[in-house]
């Protein structure tokens, strides 16, 4: 599940986790028992929200200078299962 913002802030990361990721199976019970991973994407990243999302177990995506999507997480990253 991906949350996309023009400007990504820490508040956006928290809202995504609390309002969407943590309640996903409540709204879509047929997917219970399956793995759910979260990701946030932003063109601009403020307030070190990328580091915050990383520490919360989310994939972090942004655009490169060439308009391509780039995953900012390093090889040490382990996503959280929701």
N, C-alpha and C. Protein backbone atom coordinates (compact mmCIF):
# COMPACT_ATOMS: atom_id res chain seq x y z
N UNK A 1 0.85 -1.16 0.00
CA UNK A 1 0.00 0.00 0.00
C UNK A 1 0.91 1.23 0.00
N UNK A 2 0.60 2.19 -0.86
CA UNK A 2 1.46 3.37 -1.01
C UNK A 2 0.67 4.65 -0.76
N UNK A 3 1.25 5.55 0.02
CA UNK A 3 0.72 6.88 0.25
C UNK A 3 1.58 7.85 -0.55
N UNK A 4 0.96 8.63 -1.43
CA UNK A 4 1.70 9.55 -2.30
C UNK A 4 1.34 10.99 -1.95
N UNK A 5 2.36 11.80 -1.76
CA UNK A 5 2.19 13.21 -1.44
C UNK A 5 3.13 14.04 -2.31
N UNK A 6 2.72 15.26 -2.61
CA UNK A 6 3.63 16.18 -3.29
C UNK A 6 4.77 16.52 -2.34
N UNK A 7 4.40 16.90 -1.10
CA UNK A 7 5.37 17.20 -0.06
C UNK A 7 5.13 16.24 1.10
N UNK A 8 6.08 15.37 1.36
CA UNK A 8 5.95 14.37 2.41
C UNK A 8 6.47 14.92 3.73
N UNK A 9 5.62 14.84 4.77
CA UNK A 9 5.98 15.31 6.10
C UNK A 9 5.79 14.17 7.10
N UNK A 10 6.37 14.34 8.28
CA UNK A 10 6.24 13.32 9.34
C UNK A 10 4.77 13.07 9.66
N UNK A 11 3.98 14.13 9.71
CA UNK A 11 2.54 13.98 9.99
C UNK A 11 1.87 13.08 8.95
N UNK A 12 2.27 13.20 7.70
CA UNK A 12 1.71 12.34 6.64
C UNK A 12 2.05 10.88 6.88
N UNK A 13 3.27 10.63 7.32
CA UNK A 13 3.69 9.25 7.61
C UNK A 13 2.85 8.69 8.74
N UNK A 14 2.70 9.46 9.82
CA UNK A 14 1.89 9.01 10.95
C UNK A 14 0.45 8.76 10.55
N UNK A 15 -0.14 9.68 9.80
CA UNK A 15 -1.53 9.51 9.36
C UNK A 15 -1.69 8.26 8.51
N UNK A 16 -0.76 8.00 7.64
CA UNK A 16 -0.80 6.82 6.78
C UNK A 16 -0.78 5.55 7.62
N UNK A 17 0.11 5.51 8.60
CA UNK A 17 0.22 4.32 9.46
C UNK A 17 -1.05 4.13 10.29
N UNK A 18 -1.50 5.19 10.94
CA UNK A 18 -2.64 5.09 11.86
C UNK A 18 -3.96 4.90 11.13
N UNK A 19 -4.21 5.70 10.11
CA UNK A 19 -5.52 5.69 9.47
C UNK A 19 -5.67 4.66 8.36
N UNK A 20 -4.58 4.26 7.75
CA UNK A 20 -4.71 3.36 6.59
C UNK A 20 -4.07 2.00 6.81
N UNK A 21 -2.78 1.97 7.05
CA UNK A 21 -2.08 0.69 7.18
C UNK A 21 -2.63 -0.15 8.32
N UNK A 22 -2.75 0.47 9.50
CA UNK A 22 -3.18 -0.30 10.66
C UNK A 22 -4.63 -0.76 10.57
N UNK A 23 -5.42 -0.17 9.68
CA UNK A 23 -6.84 -0.52 9.56
C UNK A 23 -7.17 -1.23 8.25
N UNK A 24 -6.16 -1.52 7.44
CA UNK A 24 -6.38 -2.11 6.12
C UNK A 24 -7.22 -3.37 6.19
N UNK A 25 -6.86 -4.30 7.06
CA UNK A 25 -7.56 -5.58 7.13
C UNK A 25 -8.97 -5.44 7.70
N UNK A 26 -9.21 -4.37 8.44
CA UNK A 26 -10.56 -4.08 8.93
C UNK A 26 -11.49 -3.77 7.75
N UNK A 27 -10.98 -3.04 6.78
CA UNK A 27 -11.78 -2.65 5.62
C UNK A 27 -11.75 -3.68 4.50
N UNK A 28 -10.70 -4.49 4.46
CA UNK A 28 -10.55 -5.51 3.43
C UNK A 28 -10.26 -6.86 4.07
N UNK A 29 -11.25 -7.43 4.77
CA UNK A 29 -11.03 -8.67 5.52
C UNK A 29 -10.64 -9.86 4.65
N UNK A 30 -10.98 -9.84 3.38
CA UNK A 30 -10.64 -10.99 2.53
C UNK A 30 -9.12 -11.14 2.35
N UNK A 31 -8.36 -10.11 2.70
CA UNK A 31 -6.91 -10.17 2.57
C UNK A 31 -6.20 -10.57 3.87
N UNK A 32 -6.98 -10.83 4.94
CA UNK A 32 -6.37 -11.25 6.20
C UNK A 32 -5.54 -12.50 5.95
N UNK A 33 -4.41 -12.57 6.62
CA UNK A 33 -3.50 -13.69 6.43
C UNK A 33 -2.45 -13.44 5.37
N UNK A 34 -2.63 -12.37 4.60
CA UNK A 34 -1.64 -12.01 3.58
C UNK A 34 -0.68 -10.97 4.16
N UNK A 35 0.48 -10.85 3.55
CA UNK A 35 1.45 -9.85 3.99
C UNK A 35 1.09 -8.49 3.40
N UNK A 36 1.23 -7.46 4.21
CA UNK A 36 0.99 -6.10 3.76
C UNK A 36 2.22 -5.27 4.10
N UNK A 37 2.78 -4.62 3.09
CA UNK A 37 3.91 -3.73 3.28
C UNK A 37 3.46 -2.32 2.92
N UNK A 38 4.08 -1.33 3.56
CA UNK A 38 3.72 0.05 3.30
C UNK A 38 4.85 0.82 2.65
N UNK A 39 4.46 1.85 1.91
CA UNK A 39 5.44 2.73 1.27
C UNK A 39 4.88 4.14 1.24
N UNK A 40 5.77 5.11 1.33
CA UNK A 40 5.39 6.51 1.17
C UNK A 40 6.22 7.08 0.03
N UNK A 41 5.62 8.00 -0.70
CA UNK A 41 6.29 8.62 -1.84
C UNK A 41 6.05 10.12 -1.80
N UNK A 42 7.07 10.88 -2.14
CA UNK A 42 6.93 12.32 -2.18
C UNK A 42 7.90 12.94 -3.17
N UNK A 43 7.46 14.01 -3.81
CA UNK A 43 8.35 14.74 -4.71
C UNK A 43 9.34 15.55 -3.85
N UNK A 44 8.80 16.21 -2.82
CA UNK A 44 9.64 16.92 -1.84
C UNK A 44 9.50 16.18 -0.52
N UNK A 45 10.59 16.04 0.18
CA UNK A 45 10.59 15.34 1.47
C UNK A 45 11.07 16.32 2.52
N UNK A 46 10.20 16.62 3.50
CA UNK A 46 10.52 17.59 4.54
C UNK A 46 10.61 16.93 5.90
N UNK A 47 11.18 17.66 6.85
CA UNK A 47 11.22 17.26 8.26
C UNK A 47 11.88 15.91 8.48
N UNK A 48 12.78 15.51 7.58
CA UNK A 48 13.41 14.20 7.67
C UNK A 48 12.38 13.08 7.74
N UNK A 49 11.27 13.30 7.05
CA UNK A 49 10.20 12.30 7.03
C UNK A 49 10.64 11.01 6.36
N UNK A 50 11.65 11.08 5.49
CA UNK A 50 12.17 9.87 4.87
C UNK A 50 12.84 8.97 5.90
N UNK A 51 13.65 9.56 6.77
CA UNK A 51 14.30 8.78 7.83
C UNK A 51 13.27 8.23 8.81
N UNK A 52 12.28 9.04 9.13
CA UNK A 52 11.23 8.62 10.06
C UNK A 52 10.47 7.42 9.48
N UNK A 53 10.08 7.51 8.22
CA UNK A 53 9.35 6.42 7.56
C UNK A 53 10.21 5.16 7.50
N UNK A 54 11.48 5.32 7.20
CA UNK A 54 12.42 4.19 7.16
C UNK A 54 12.43 3.47 8.50
N UNK A 55 12.56 4.25 9.58
CA UNK A 55 12.60 3.66 10.92
C UNK A 55 11.28 2.99 11.30
N UNK A 56 10.19 3.43 10.70
CA UNK A 56 8.88 2.82 10.97
C UNK A 56 8.62 1.60 10.08
N UNK A 57 9.57 1.26 9.23
CA UNK A 57 9.46 0.06 8.40
C UNK A 57 8.79 0.25 7.06
N UNK A 58 8.75 1.50 6.60
CA UNK A 58 8.12 1.81 5.31
C UNK A 58 9.16 1.98 4.21
N UNK A 59 8.81 1.57 3.01
CA UNK A 59 9.62 1.89 1.84
C UNK A 59 9.44 3.38 1.56
N UNK A 60 10.49 4.03 1.09
CA UNK A 60 10.44 5.46 0.81
C UNK A 60 10.81 5.67 -0.66
N UNK A 61 9.91 6.34 -1.39
CA UNK A 61 10.11 6.56 -2.83
C UNK A 61 10.09 8.05 -3.13
N UNK A 62 10.87 8.44 -4.12
CA UNK A 62 10.86 9.81 -4.60
C UNK A 62 11.22 9.79 -6.08
N UNK A 63 11.24 10.97 -6.69
CA UNK A 63 11.62 11.07 -8.10
C UNK A 63 13.08 11.48 -8.22
N UNK A 64 13.76 10.90 -9.18
CA UNK A 64 15.13 11.32 -9.48
C UNK A 64 15.05 12.55 -10.37
N UNK A 65 16.17 13.13 -10.67
CA UNK A 65 16.21 14.28 -11.55
C UNK A 65 15.76 13.97 -12.96
N UNK A 66 15.71 12.69 -13.30
CA UNK A 66 15.31 12.27 -14.64
C UNK A 66 13.85 11.85 -14.71
N UNK A 67 13.10 12.07 -13.61
CA UNK A 67 11.69 11.72 -13.60
C UNK A 67 11.41 10.25 -13.32
N UNK A 68 12.43 9.52 -12.92
CA UNK A 68 12.26 8.10 -12.59
C UNK A 68 12.03 7.95 -11.09
N UNK A 69 11.24 6.96 -10.71
CA UNK A 69 11.02 6.69 -9.29
C UNK A 69 12.24 5.97 -8.72
N UNK A 70 12.66 6.44 -7.55
CA UNK A 70 13.83 5.89 -6.88
C UNK A 70 13.42 5.42 -5.48
N UNK A 71 13.85 4.23 -5.10
CA UNK A 71 13.63 3.74 -3.74
C UNK A 71 14.83 4.19 -2.91
N UNK A 72 14.57 4.96 -1.84
CA UNK A 72 15.65 5.52 -1.04
C UNK A 72 16.19 4.56 0.01
N UNK A 73 15.47 3.50 0.31
CA UNK A 73 15.92 2.56 1.33
C UNK A 73 17.20 1.85 0.89
N UNK A 74 18.08 1.60 1.85
CA UNK A 74 19.33 0.91 1.54
C UNK A 74 19.16 -0.60 1.69
N UNK A 75 20.23 -1.33 1.43
CA UNK A 75 20.17 -2.80 1.45
C UNK A 75 19.98 -3.36 2.86
N UNK A 76 20.20 -2.56 3.90
CA UNK A 76 20.00 -3.01 5.28
C UNK A 76 18.53 -2.96 5.70
N UNK A 77 17.72 -2.27 4.94
CA UNK A 77 16.31 -2.07 5.29
C UNK A 77 15.54 -3.38 5.30
N UNK A 78 14.70 -3.54 6.31
CA UNK A 78 13.78 -4.67 6.40
C UNK A 78 12.38 -4.10 6.62
N UNK A 79 11.48 -4.29 5.66
CA UNK A 79 10.14 -3.71 5.79
C UNK A 79 9.34 -4.35 6.92
N UNK A 80 8.49 -3.55 7.52
CA UNK A 80 7.59 -4.05 8.55
C UNK A 80 6.38 -4.68 7.88
N UNK A 81 5.95 -5.80 8.42
CA UNK A 81 4.72 -6.44 7.95
C UNK A 81 3.57 -5.91 8.79
N UNK A 82 2.51 -5.45 8.13
CA UNK A 82 1.37 -4.89 8.87
C UNK A 82 0.27 -5.91 8.95
